[in-house]
Each structure stands twice: as C-alpha cells, then as structure tokens.
Amino acid sequence: MPDNDPVTDARLDPVRHVLVLPDRDAAEEVAQGLADRFGIAEEPHLIRDALAGEDDAEDAQWLVVVEDPAKALDPAALDAYAAEYEGWLEAE
C-alpha cells in the first residue's frame, strides 16, 4: 500500500451544476423543465446573484443549482438547455 493515499476520492465527490440565467422568470422555467427534460427528482435551488455594484433588482442574474450525486447529467446538454433561455452552465 502506498504511503501517500489521496485524502478524498474525486469519484465520490458530489457534483453540482450551476446554470446562470438572465432573470427570475427564465430561472423558474428552467427549474420546472429540468424534471421533464432530464428526469431530475430533487427540486433545484434558485439563487439571486446580484451583479457587483448594482442596486437595481433588474440587474440580477439567477442561478439554478442542480445536485447530481450520481453524475448522471450531461454538462453539454445542461448548457444547451440553459442557452435556450439566454443562459449558460457555469464552468467550475
């Protein structure tokens, strides 16, 4: 057995996908459509992400956070889905 085994195994780390959307309506539509399109059972988290230095609520992006512990979701497919709503999949 090697003396320096890794502390964590990347294969066991949970995966979290973050979709960035231009507004709340788009984020809500994407979140609702994830179950139909990708079979996601757990409800995604919606988070308002205000842009730095902006006070206006209209200048906020919205994040849809999808937990993917089984690593079953295709990042390219999620990115394409978000693009339908003028959004994108955030690269980690």
C-alpha atoms as a PDB file:
ATOM      1  CA  MET A   1       0.000   0.000   0.000  1.00  0.00           C
ATOM      2  CA  PRO A   2       1.425   3.437  -0.892  1.00  0.00           C
ATOM      3  CA  ASP A   3       2.266   5.785   1.951  1.00  0.00           C
ATOM      4  CA  ASN A   4       0.506   8.777   0.379  1.00  0.00           C
ATOM      5  CA  ASP A   5      -3.046   7.768  -0.491  1.00  0.00           C
ATOM      6  CA  PRO A   6      -5.343  10.632  -1.550  1.00  0.00           C
ATOM      7  CA  VAL A   7      -7.461  12.030   1.257  1.00  0.00           C
ATOM      8  CA  THR A   8     -10.514  12.304  -0.992  1.00  0.00           C
ATOM      9  CA  ASP A   9     -11.586  10.300  -3.992  1.00  0.00           C
ATOM     10  CA  ALA A  10     -12.827  12.532  -6.839  1.00  0.00           C
ATOM     11  CA  ARG A  11     -15.125   9.722  -7.959  1.00  0.00           C
ATOM     12  CA  LEU A  12     -17.043  10.040  -4.677  1.00  0.00           C
ATOM     13  CA  ASP A  13     -17.356  13.839  -4.657  1.00  0.00           C
ATOM     14  CA  PRO A  14     -20.891  15.048  -5.360  1.00  0.00           C
ATOM     15  CA  VAL A  15     -21.407  17.075  -8.498  1.00  0.00           C
ATOM     16  CA  ARG A  16     -23.236  20.383  -8.501  1.00  0.00           C
ATOM     17  CA  HIS A  17     -24.232  22.075 -11.754  1.00  0.00           C
ATOM     18  CA  VAL A  18     -24.887  25.816 -11.755  1.00  0.00           C
ATOM     19  CA  LEU A  19     -26.990  27.250 -14.564  1.00  0.00           C
ATOM     20  CA  VAL A  20     -26.818  31.040 -14.909  1.00  0.00           C
ATOM     21  CA  LEU A  21     -29.972  32.717 -16.223  1.00  0.00           C
ATOM     22  CA  PRO A  22     -30.687  36.356 -17.070  1.00  0.00           C
ATOM     23  CA  ASP A  23     -33.780  36.765 -14.872  1.00  0.00           C
ATOM     24  CA  ARG A  24     -36.083  35.105 -12.373  1.00  0.00           C
ATOM     25  CA  ASP A  25     -38.714  34.081 -14.918  1.00  0.00           C
ATOM     26  CA  ALA A  26     -36.142  32.225 -17.017  1.00  0.00           C
ATOM     27  CA  ALA A  27     -34.674  30.566 -13.907  1.00  0.00           C
ATOM     28  CA  GLU A  28     -38.102  29.385 -12.751  1.00  0.00           C
ATOM     29  CA  GLU A  29     -38.924  27.987 -16.202  1.00  0.00           C
ATOM     30  CA  VAL A  30     -35.598  26.169 -16.394  1.00  0.00           C
ATOM     31  CA  ALA A  31     -36.029  24.755 -12.882  1.00  0.00           C
ATOM     32  CA  GLN A  32     -39.510  23.476 -13.709  1.00  0.00           C
ATOM     33  CA  GLY A  33     -38.386  21.961 -17.001  1.00  0.00           C
ATOM     34  CA  LEU A  34     -35.435  20.064 -15.523  1.00  0.00           C
ATOM     35  CA  ALA A  35     -37.681  17.275 -14.217  1.00  0.00           C
ATOM     36  CA  ASP A  36     -39.360  16.737 -17.583  1.00  0.00           C
ATOM     37  CA  ARG A  37     -36.264  17.045 -19.715  1.00  0.00           C
ATOM     38  CA  PHE A  38     -33.631  15.395 -17.514  1.00  0.00           C
ATOM     39  CA  GLY A  39     -35.648  13.365 -15.011  1.00  0.00           C
ATOM     40  CA  ILE A  40     -34.378  15.318 -12.030  1.00  0.00           C
ATOM     41  CA  ALA A  41     -36.348  14.317  -8.949  1.00  0.00           C
ATOM     42  CA  GLU A  42     -34.880  16.759  -6.422  1.00  0.00           C
ATOM     43  CA  GLU A  43     -36.035  20.343  -6.786  1.00  0.00           C
ATOM     44  CA  PRO A  44     -33.165  22.612  -7.850  1.00  0.00           C
ATOM     45  CA  HIS A  45     -32.209  25.660  -5.778  1.00  0.00           C
ATOM     46  CA  LEU A  46     -32.833  29.137  -7.203  1.00  0.00           C
ATOM     47  CA  ILE A  47     -30.458  31.859  -6.064  1.00  0.00           C
ATOM     48  CA  ARG A  48     -30.467  35.557  -6.952  1.00  0.00           C
ATOM     49  CA  ASP A  49     -26.952  36.657  -7.900  1.00  0.00           C
ATOM     50  CA  ALA A  50     -26.754  40.457  -7.880  1.00  0.00           C
ATOM     51  CA  LEU A  51     -24.069  41.849 -10.127  1.00  0.00           C
ATOM     52  CA  ALA A  52     -21.289  43.689  -8.327  1.00  0.00           C
ATOM     53  CA  GLY A  53     -22.104  47.348  -7.779  1.00  0.00           C
ATOM     54  CA  GLU A  54     -25.693  47.063  -8.991  1.00  0.00           C
ATOM     55  CA  ASP A  55     -28.527  48.189  -6.749  1.00  0.00           C
ATOM     56  CA  ASP A  56     -31.379  47.573  -9.179  1.00  0.00           C
ATOM     57  CA  ALA A  57     -33.131  44.212  -8.804  1.00  0.00           C
ATOM     58  CA  GLU A  58     -33.433  44.075 -12.578  1.00  0.00           C
ATOM     59  CA  ASP A  59     -29.644  43.793 -12.823  1.00  0.00           C
ATOM     60  CA  ALA A  60     -29.513  40.413 -11.130  1.00  0.00           C
ATOM     61  CA  GLN A  61     -28.696  37.087 -12.656  1.00  0.00           C
ATOM     62  CA  TRP A  62     -30.382  33.998 -11.301  1.00  0.00           C
ATOM     63  CA  LEU A  63     -28.660  30.723 -10.585  1.00  0.00           C
ATOM     64  CA  VAL A  64     -30.303  27.317 -10.792  1.00  0.00           C
ATOM     65  CA  VAL A  65     -28.251  24.875  -8.733  1.00  0.00           C
ATOM     66  CA  VAL A  66     -28.736  21.201  -9.571  1.00  0.00           C
ATOM     67  CA  GLU A  67     -27.313  18.471  -7.358  1.00  0.00           C
ATOM     68  CA  ASP A  68     -26.085  15.467  -9.353  1.00  0.00           C
ATOM     69  CA  PRO A  69     -24.692  12.928  -6.858  1.00  0.00           C
ATOM     70  CA  ALA A  70     -24.912  10.091  -9.404  1.00  0.00           C
ATOM     71  CA  LYS A  71     -23.062  12.186 -12.012  1.00  0.00           C
ATOM     72  CA  ALA A  72     -25.787  11.233 -14.484  1.00  0.00           C
ATOM     73  CA  LEU A  73     -26.353  14.636 -16.100  1.00  0.00           C
ATOM     74  CA  ASP A  74     -24.558  15.640 -19.278  1.00  0.00           C
ATOM     75  CA  PRO A  75     -22.998  19.092 -18.791  1.00  0.00           C
ATOM     76  CA  ALA A  76     -23.198  19.831 -22.533  1.00  0.00           C
ATOM     77  CA  ALA A  77     -26.934  19.073 -22.540  1.00  0.00           C
ATOM     78  CA  LEU A  78     -27.466  21.304 -19.486  1.00  0.00           C
ATOM     79  CA  ASP A  79     -25.521  24.111 -21.168  1.00  0.00           C
ATOM     80  CA  ALA A  80     -27.619  23.777 -24.334  1.00  0.00           C
ATOM     81  CA  TYR A  81     -30.816  23.797 -22.254  1.00  0.00           C
ATOM     82  CA  ALA A  82     -29.759  26.966 -20.404  1.00  0.00           C
ATOM     83  CA  ALA A  83     -28.826  28.575 -23.750  1.00  0.00           C
ATOM     84  CA  GLU A  84     -32.453  28.202 -24.851  1.00  0.00           C
ATOM     85  CA  TYR A  85     -33.205  30.790 -22.135  1.00  0.00           C
ATOM     86  CA  GLU A  86     -30.178  33.002 -22.862  1.00  0.00           C
ATOM     87  CA  GLY A  87     -28.196  31.391 -20.068  1.00  0.00           C
ATOM     88  CA  TRP A  88     -25.258  29.047 -19.668  1.00  0.00           C
ATOM     89  CA  LEU A  89     -23.766  26.330 -17.496  1.00  0.00           C
ATOM     90  CA  GLU A  90     -21.145  27.828 -15.201  1.00  0.00           C
ATOM     91  CA  ALA A  91     -17.787  26.082 -15.503  1.00  0.00           C
ATOM     92  CA  GLU A  92     -16.287  25.064 -12.183  1.00  0.00           C
END
